[in-house]
């Protein structure tokens, strides 16, 4: 079920995946390029874009919304993942919900081999900004008294 090297989902399966409310995208490495096979309604809401715009954005400017300090790490992680066809679990900063502010995104991706042998990556995204803020605040609350204690003794 391939068209120009891309896996093609049966229409009813495609519709079911696209209707998911969780932020999920399905990608495939075709030649040396990652192509977007489909995005869920949840991912459209997560990114603040309609399906066509979001798919085109991922295909043409995949890392444009990623924080400049995180791009190289994400490129390296995604490349290793695409070559090894394993799993990745990464946190990076990206602009979400159609806004200019950066949010922390947790992306978990795993390859699945389709019935025709095509390896496709199913990726789930979550906004973990509040959790990251809590971690930073908790670390600050622990480190400050600990530093004072160590400096006094």
Protein backbone atom coordinates (compact mmCIF):
# COMPACT_ATOMS: atom_id res chain seq x y z
CA UNK A 1 0.00 0.00 0.00
CA UNK A 2 2.69 2.48 -0.97
CA UNK A 3 2.52 5.60 -3.09
CA UNK A 4 5.94 7.08 -4.00
CA UNK A 5 7.48 5.18 -1.10
CA UNK A 6 5.00 6.50 1.47
CA UNK A 7 2.81 4.11 3.40
CA UNK A 8 -0.88 4.77 2.70
CA UNK A 9 -3.35 4.06 5.50
CA UNK A 10 -6.71 2.51 4.59
CA UNK A 11 -9.27 5.34 4.65
CA UNK A 12 -11.19 4.09 7.70
CA UNK A 13 -7.96 3.60 9.68
CA UNK A 14 -6.71 7.03 8.64
CA UNK A 15 -9.96 8.67 9.75
CA UNK A 16 -9.82 6.88 13.11
CA UNK A 17 -6.24 8.06 13.77
CA UNK A 18 -7.00 11.60 12.61
CA UNK A 19 -10.01 11.80 14.95
CA UNK A 20 -7.91 11.06 18.03
CA UNK A 21 -7.96 13.88 20.59
CA UNK A 22 -4.46 13.10 21.83
CA UNK A 23 -1.59 14.94 20.09
CA UNK A 24 -0.16 12.30 17.76
CA UNK A 25 1.62 12.27 14.43
CA UNK A 26 2.72 9.42 12.19
CA UNK A 27 5.92 9.84 10.18
CA UNK A 28 8.04 7.85 7.76
CA UNK A 29 11.59 8.16 6.50
CA UNK A 30 11.36 8.14 2.70
CA UNK A 31 14.79 8.29 1.15
CA UNK A 32 16.58 10.86 3.31
CA UNK A 33 13.50 12.88 4.21
CA UNK A 34 10.99 12.50 7.02
CA UNK A 35 7.45 12.80 5.69
CA UNK A 36 4.24 13.25 7.65
CA UNK A 37 1.73 10.49 6.98
CA UNK A 38 -1.00 11.87 9.24
CA UNK A 39 -1.69 14.06 12.24
CA UNK A 40 -4.48 13.72 14.80
CA UNK A 41 -7.07 16.36 15.63
CA UNK A 42 -5.36 16.55 19.01
CA UNK A 43 -2.03 17.46 17.41
CA UNK A 44 -3.74 20.15 15.31
CA UNK A 45 -5.13 21.70 18.52
CA UNK A 46 -1.76 21.23 20.29
CA UNK A 47 0.05 23.12 17.51
CA UNK A 48 -2.76 25.61 16.81
CA UNK A 49 -2.94 24.74 13.09
CA UNK A 50 -5.34 23.04 10.69
CA UNK A 51 -4.34 19.60 9.35
CA UNK A 52 -3.05 20.72 5.92
CA UNK A 53 -1.01 23.62 7.30
CA UNK A 54 0.43 21.46 10.07
CA UNK A 55 1.34 18.59 7.75
CA UNK A 56 3.01 21.01 5.32
CA UNK A 57 4.82 22.70 8.24
CA UNK A 58 6.19 19.37 9.49
CA UNK A 59 7.25 18.30 6.00
CA UNK A 60 8.90 21.58 5.00
CA UNK A 61 10.04 23.28 8.24
CA UNK A 62 9.98 20.56 10.89
CA UNK A 63 12.20 22.34 13.42
CA UNK A 64 11.07 25.94 12.81
CA UNK A 65 8.99 26.14 16.02
CA UNK A 66 11.65 24.46 18.16
CA UNK A 67 13.68 26.68 20.49
CA UNK A 68 17.05 27.48 18.81
CA UNK A 69 18.98 26.01 21.76
CA UNK A 70 17.15 22.68 21.36
CA UNK A 71 17.23 22.26 17.57
CA UNK A 72 20.57 20.43 17.24
CA UNK A 73 19.78 18.04 20.09
CA UNK A 74 16.39 17.26 18.54
CA UNK A 75 17.87 16.85 15.04
CA UNK A 76 20.50 14.43 16.39
CA UNK A 77 17.92 12.47 18.38
CA UNK A 78 15.49 12.28 15.47
CA UNK A 79 18.24 11.22 13.05
CA UNK A 80 19.48 8.42 15.34
CA UNK A 81 15.88 7.34 15.84
CA UNK A 82 15.14 7.29 12.09
CA UNK A 83 18.26 5.26 11.30
CA UNK A 84 17.93 2.78 14.16
CA UNK A 85 14.15 2.48 13.96
CA UNK A 86 13.90 2.17 17.72
CA UNK A 87 12.21 4.39 20.26
CA UNK A 88 12.88 7.89 21.50
CA UNK A 89 11.73 9.83 24.49
CA UNK A 90 12.80 13.47 24.49
CA UNK A 91 11.88 16.81 26.07
CA UNK A 92 12.44 20.01 24.11
CA UNK A 93 11.01 23.52 23.89
CA UNK A 94 8.65 24.51 21.10
CA UNK A 95 6.00 27.10 20.33
CA UNK A 96 2.54 25.58 20.77
CA UNK A 97 -1.11 26.50 20.43
CA UNK A 98 -0.32 29.07 17.73
CA UNK A 99 1.44 31.29 20.30
CA UNK A 100 4.90 32.83 20.40
CA UNK A 101 5.90 31.52 23.85
CA UNK A 102 7.98 28.40 24.18
CA UNK A 103 6.54 25.41 26.04
CA UNK A 104 8.25 22.19 27.12
CA UNK A 105 7.18 19.27 24.92
CA UNK A 106 7.63 15.62 25.80
CA UNK A 107 7.71 13.51 22.63
CA UNK A 108 7.67 9.73 22.73
CA UNK A 109 8.04 7.94 19.43
CA UNK A 110 8.21 4.30 18.45
CA UNK A 111 8.50 2.58 15.10
CA UNK A 112 5.87 0.11 14.02
CA UNK A 113 6.18 -2.12 10.96
CA UNK A 114 3.03 -1.98 8.86
CA UNK A 115 1.59 -5.01 7.04
CA UNK A 116 3.51 -4.20 3.85
CA UNK A 117 6.81 -3.93 5.75
CA UNK A 118 6.91 -0.11 5.90
CA UNK A 119 8.46 1.17 9.13
CA UNK A 120 6.44 4.15 10.36
CA UNK A 121 6.95 6.19 13.52
CA UNK A 122 4.01 6.89 15.81
CA UNK A 123 4.80 9.93 17.96
CA UNK A 124 2.81 11.18 20.95
CA UNK A 125 3.33 14.71 22.27
CA UNK A 126 2.54 16.21 25.68
CA UNK A 127 2.91 19.72 27.07
CA UNK A 128 4.99 19.28 30.23
CA UNK A 129 5.69 22.95 30.89
CA UNK A 130 4.04 23.02 34.31
CA UNK A 131 5.88 19.85 35.38
CA UNK A 132 9.19 21.39 34.29
CA UNK A 133 8.40 24.58 36.24
CA UNK A 134 7.65 22.45 39.31
CA UNK A 135 10.95 20.61 38.94
CA UNK A 136 12.89 23.88 38.69
CA UNK A 137 11.04 25.36 41.68
CA UNK A 138 11.50 22.23 43.80
CA UNK A 139 15.20 22.14 42.92
CA UNK A 140 15.56 25.79 43.87
CA UNK A 141 13.80 25.21 47.20
CA UNK A 142 16.10 22.31 48.05
CA UNK A 143 19.37 23.77 46.76
CA UNK A 144 19.16 27.11 48.56
CA UNK A 145 18.81 25.70 52.13
CA UNK A 146 21.29 22.93 51.32
CA UNK A 147 23.88 25.45 50.09
CA UNK A 148 23.40 27.58 53.23
CA UNK A 149 23.77 24.50 55.43
CA UNK A 150 26.93 23.36 53.65
CA UNK A 151 28.44 26.85 53.71
CA UNK A 152 27.75 27.22 57.44
CA UNK A 153 29.25 23.86 58.39
